[in-house]
């Protein structure tokens, strides 16, 4: 196996933008943004849109979309389209 081809792991803070929760883990990603963590050290900061703290599968809170209202508005807007 080739040596020195795998990226190195380093501590990184991930921040969930949806819930505001941050967690420290190791990753191969890096960032120009930094944040001071609870232990007083500064780590790279990666901001993510969704994590296990805000994902409906893990939280059990399903967001219900108003699809019926959207369909009714669409049909009302275009009900006469194409008729002569």
N, C-alpha and C. Protein backbone atom coordinates (compact mmCIF):
# COMPACT_ATOMS: atom_id res chain seq x y z
N UNK A 1 0.84 -1.17 0.00
CA UNK A 1 0.00 0.00 0.00
C UNK A 1 0.89 1.25 0.00
N UNK A 2 0.48 2.26 -0.73
CA UNK A 2 1.27 3.49 -0.82
C UNK A 2 1.20 4.26 0.49
N UNK A 3 2.29 4.86 0.85
CA UNK A 3 2.30 5.66 2.07
C UNK A 3 2.08 7.13 1.72
N UNK A 4 1.55 7.87 2.67
CA UNK A 4 1.35 9.32 2.55
C UNK A 4 0.39 9.73 1.43
N UNK A 5 -0.60 8.90 1.11
CA UNK A 5 -1.58 9.29 0.10
C UNK A 5 -2.91 9.68 0.74
N UNK A 6 -3.10 9.35 1.99
CA UNK A 6 -4.36 9.65 2.66
C UNK A 6 -4.27 10.99 3.38
N UNK A 7 -5.34 11.78 3.32
CA UNK A 7 -5.31 13.07 4.03
C UNK A 7 -5.29 12.86 5.54
N UNK A 8 -4.71 13.80 6.23
CA UNK A 8 -4.62 13.69 7.68
C UNK A 8 -5.90 14.18 8.36
N UNK A 9 -6.24 13.55 9.46
CA UNK A 9 -7.38 13.96 10.26
C UNK A 9 -6.93 15.02 11.25
N UNK A 10 -7.77 16.01 11.44
CA UNK A 10 -7.48 17.04 12.44
C UNK A 10 -8.80 17.43 13.11
N UNK A 11 -8.74 17.97 14.32
CA UNK A 11 -9.97 18.39 15.01
C UNK A 11 -10.63 19.55 14.27
N UNK A 12 -11.96 19.46 14.12
CA UNK A 12 -12.75 20.47 13.42
C UNK A 12 -14.06 20.63 14.17
N UNK A 13 -14.57 21.86 14.23
CA UNK A 13 -15.88 22.13 14.83
C UNK A 13 -16.90 22.27 13.72
N UNK A 14 -17.98 21.50 13.80
CA UNK A 14 -19.10 21.60 12.87
C UNK A 14 -20.23 22.32 13.58
N UNK A 15 -20.80 23.33 12.90
CA UNK A 15 -21.93 24.09 13.46
C UNK A 15 -23.14 23.88 12.56
N UNK A 16 -24.25 23.41 13.17
CA UNK A 16 -25.51 23.23 12.45
C UNK A 16 -26.21 24.57 12.39
N UNK A 17 -26.43 25.10 11.18
CA UNK A 17 -27.04 26.41 11.02
C UNK A 17 -28.53 26.39 11.37
N UNK A 18 -29.18 25.23 11.25
CA UNK A 18 -30.61 25.14 11.52
C UNK A 18 -30.90 25.16 13.02
N UNK A 19 -30.07 24.48 13.81
CA UNK A 19 -30.33 24.40 15.25
C UNK A 19 -29.35 25.20 16.10
N UNK A 20 -28.21 25.57 15.53
CA UNK A 20 -27.23 26.32 16.28
C UNK A 20 -26.30 25.47 17.14
N UNK A 21 -26.44 24.16 17.06
CA UNK A 21 -25.62 23.25 17.86
C UNK A 21 -24.26 23.07 17.18
N UNK A 22 -23.21 23.05 17.98
CA UNK A 22 -21.86 22.82 17.48
C UNK A 22 -21.28 21.58 18.13
N UNK A 23 -20.45 20.86 17.37
CA UNK A 23 -19.78 19.70 17.95
C UNK A 23 -18.38 19.58 17.38
N UNK A 24 -17.49 19.08 18.21
CA UNK A 24 -16.08 18.92 17.86
C UNK A 24 -15.83 17.48 17.47
N UNK A 25 -15.21 17.28 16.33
CA UNK A 25 -14.88 15.94 15.86
C UNK A 25 -13.62 16.03 15.00
N UNK A 26 -13.18 14.90 14.49
CA UNK A 26 -12.03 14.90 13.59
C UNK A 26 -12.51 14.75 12.16
N UNK A 27 -11.86 15.43 11.24
CA UNK A 27 -12.25 15.38 9.84
C UNK A 27 -11.07 15.73 8.96
N UNK A 28 -11.22 15.44 7.67
CA UNK A 28 -10.18 15.79 6.71
C UNK A 28 -10.45 17.15 6.07
N UNK A 29 -11.63 17.73 6.29
CA UNK A 29 -11.95 19.04 5.71
C UNK A 29 -11.26 20.15 6.49
N UNK A 30 -11.08 21.27 5.83
CA UNK A 30 -10.48 22.42 6.50
C UNK A 30 -11.27 23.66 6.12
N UNK A 31 -11.03 24.75 6.83
CA UNK A 31 -11.76 25.98 6.60
C UNK A 31 -10.91 27.17 7.01
N UNK A 32 -11.22 28.31 6.41
CA UNK A 32 -10.54 29.55 6.80
C UNK A 32 -11.18 30.14 8.06
N UNK A 33 -12.44 29.80 8.32
CA UNK A 33 -13.12 30.28 9.52
C UNK A 33 -12.64 29.48 10.72
N UNK A 34 -12.53 30.16 11.86
CA UNK A 34 -12.12 29.49 13.09
C UNK A 34 -13.08 29.88 14.21
N UNK A 35 -13.06 29.07 15.26
CA UNK A 35 -13.88 29.33 16.43
C UNK A 35 -13.13 28.84 17.66
N UNK A 36 -13.30 29.55 18.75
CA UNK A 36 -12.69 29.12 20.00
C UNK A 36 -13.66 28.15 20.68
N UNK A 37 -13.17 26.95 20.99
CA UNK A 37 -14.00 25.90 21.57
C UNK A 37 -13.97 26.00 23.09
N UNK A 38 -14.78 25.18 23.74
CA UNK A 38 -14.93 25.21 25.20
C UNK A 38 -13.63 24.94 25.95
N UNK A 39 -12.70 24.22 25.32
CA UNK A 39 -11.44 23.91 25.98
C UNK A 39 -10.42 25.03 25.85
N UNK A 40 -10.79 26.13 25.18
CA UNK A 40 -9.90 27.28 25.03
C UNK A 40 -9.06 27.24 23.77
N UNK A 41 -9.09 26.15 23.04
CA UNK A 41 -8.32 26.04 21.79
C UNK A 41 -9.14 26.57 20.61
N UNK A 42 -8.45 26.99 19.57
CA UNK A 42 -9.10 27.48 18.36
C UNK A 42 -9.05 26.38 17.30
N UNK A 43 -10.21 26.10 16.69
CA UNK A 43 -10.33 25.05 15.68
C UNK A 43 -10.98 25.62 14.43
N UNK A 44 -10.74 24.97 13.27
CA UNK A 44 -11.45 25.38 12.05
C UNK A 44 -12.95 25.15 12.22
N UNK A 45 -13.76 26.03 11.63
CA UNK A 45 -15.21 25.95 11.75
C UNK A 45 -15.82 25.61 10.39
N UNK A 46 -16.64 24.56 10.36
CA UNK A 46 -17.38 24.16 9.18
C UNK A 46 -18.85 24.33 9.50
N UNK A 47 -19.55 25.15 8.71
CA UNK A 47 -20.98 25.38 8.93
C UNK A 47 -21.76 24.49 7.97
N UNK A 48 -22.69 23.70 8.52
CA UNK A 48 -23.51 22.80 7.72
C UNK A 48 -24.98 23.20 7.83
N UNK A 49 -25.75 22.93 6.77
CA UNK A 49 -27.16 23.28 6.75
C UNK A 49 -27.99 22.41 7.67
N UNK A 50 -27.62 21.14 7.78
CA UNK A 50 -28.42 20.21 8.57
C UNK A 50 -27.50 19.14 9.15
N UNK A 51 -27.81 18.69 10.34
CA UNK A 51 -27.07 17.61 10.99
C UNK A 51 -28.06 16.74 11.74
N UNK A 52 -27.56 15.82 12.53
CA UNK A 52 -28.45 14.95 13.29
C UNK A 52 -29.26 15.73 14.33
N UNK A 53 -28.82 16.93 14.68
CA UNK A 53 -29.55 17.75 15.65
C UNK A 53 -30.79 18.40 15.05
N UNK A 54 -30.84 18.54 13.72
CA UNK A 54 -31.98 19.22 13.11
C UNK A 54 -32.68 18.38 12.04
N UNK A 55 -32.15 17.22 11.70
CA UNK A 55 -32.76 16.39 10.66
C UNK A 55 -34.01 15.71 11.21
N UNK A 56 -35.13 15.75 10.46
CA UNK A 56 -36.39 15.17 10.96
C UNK A 56 -36.30 13.69 11.29
N UNK A 57 -35.45 12.93 10.62
CA UNK A 57 -35.32 11.50 10.92
C UNK A 57 -34.79 11.28 12.33
N UNK A 58 -33.84 12.09 12.76
CA UNK A 58 -33.24 11.93 14.08
C UNK A 58 -34.03 12.63 15.18
N UNK A 59 -34.68 13.74 14.85
CA UNK A 59 -35.41 14.49 15.87
C UNK A 59 -36.83 14.00 16.07
N UNK A 60 -37.40 13.34 15.05
CA UNK A 60 -38.78 12.87 15.14
C UNK A 60 -39.79 13.96 14.86
N UNK A 61 -39.34 15.12 14.45
CA UNK A 61 -40.22 16.24 14.15
C UNK A 61 -40.28 16.43 12.64
N UNK A 62 -41.34 15.93 12.05
CA UNK A 62 -41.52 16.03 10.61
C UNK A 62 -42.16 17.36 10.25
N UNK A 63 -41.63 18.02 9.27
CA UNK A 63 -42.22 19.26 8.77
C UNK A 63 -43.27 18.90 7.73
N UNK A 64 -44.45 19.40 7.91
CA UNK A 64 -45.52 19.11 6.98
C UNK A 64 -45.61 20.25 5.97
N UNK A 65 -45.52 19.90 4.70
CA UNK A 65 -45.58 20.89 3.64
C UNK A 65 -47.04 21.12 3.27
N UNK A 66 -47.36 22.33 2.90
CA UNK A 66 -48.71 22.68 2.49
C UNK A 66 -48.86 22.42 1.00
N UNK A 67 -48.78 21.15 0.61
CA UNK A 67 -48.84 20.83 -0.81
C UNK A 67 -50.25 21.00 -1.37
N UNK A 68 -51.28 20.75 -0.57
CA UNK A 68 -52.66 20.90 -1.06
C UNK A 68 -52.93 22.36 -1.41
N UNK A 69 -52.52 23.26 -0.58
CA UNK A 69 -52.72 24.68 -0.85
C UNK A 69 -51.97 25.14 -2.08
N UNK A 70 -50.79 24.62 -2.29
CA UNK A 70 -50.00 25.00 -3.45
C UNK A 70 -50.65 24.50 -4.74
N UNK A 71 -51.15 23.27 -4.70
CA UNK A 71 -51.80 22.72 -5.88
C UNK A 71 -53.06 23.49 -6.20
N UNK A 72 -53.85 23.82 -5.20
CA UNK A 72 -55.08 24.59 -5.43
C UNK A 72 -54.77 25.96 -6.01
N UNK A 73 -53.76 26.63 -5.52
CA UNK A 73 -53.38 27.94 -6.05
C UNK A 73 -52.91 27.83 -7.49
N UNK A 74 -52.14 26.79 -7.79
CA UNK A 74 -51.68 26.57 -9.16
C UNK A 74 -52.87 26.35 -10.09
N UNK A 75 -53.80 25.46 -9.69
CA UNK A 75 -54.96 25.18 -10.53
C UNK A 75 -55.83 26.42 -10.72
N UNK A 76 -55.99 27.22 -9.68
CA UNK A 76 -56.81 28.43 -9.79
C UNK A 76 -56.15 29.44 -10.74
N UNK A 77 -54.85 29.52 -10.73
CA UNK A 77 -54.14 30.47 -11.56
C UNK A 77 -54.18 30.08 -13.03
N UNK A 78 -54.08 28.78 -13.31
CA UNK A 78 -53.98 28.32 -14.69
C UNK A 78 -55.20 27.52 -15.15
N UNK A 79 -56.35 27.71 -14.54
CA UNK A 79 -57.53 26.91 -14.90
C UNK A 79 -58.02 27.20 -16.31
N UNK A 80 -57.83 28.42 -16.81
CA UNK A 80 -58.29 28.76 -18.15
C UNK A 80 -57.17 28.73 -19.19
N UNK A 81 -56.01 28.33 -18.81
CA UNK A 81 -54.87 28.29 -19.72
C UNK A 81 -55.08 27.17 -20.74
N UNK A 82 -54.94 27.46 -22.00
CA UNK A 82 -55.06 26.46 -23.05
C UNK A 82 -56.48 26.27 -23.56
N UNK A 83 -57.46 26.88 -22.92
CA UNK A 83 -58.84 26.76 -23.39
C UNK A 83 -59.13 27.85 -24.40
N UNK A 84 -59.88 27.49 -25.46
CA UNK A 84 -60.21 28.48 -26.48
C UNK A 84 -61.68 28.71 -26.55
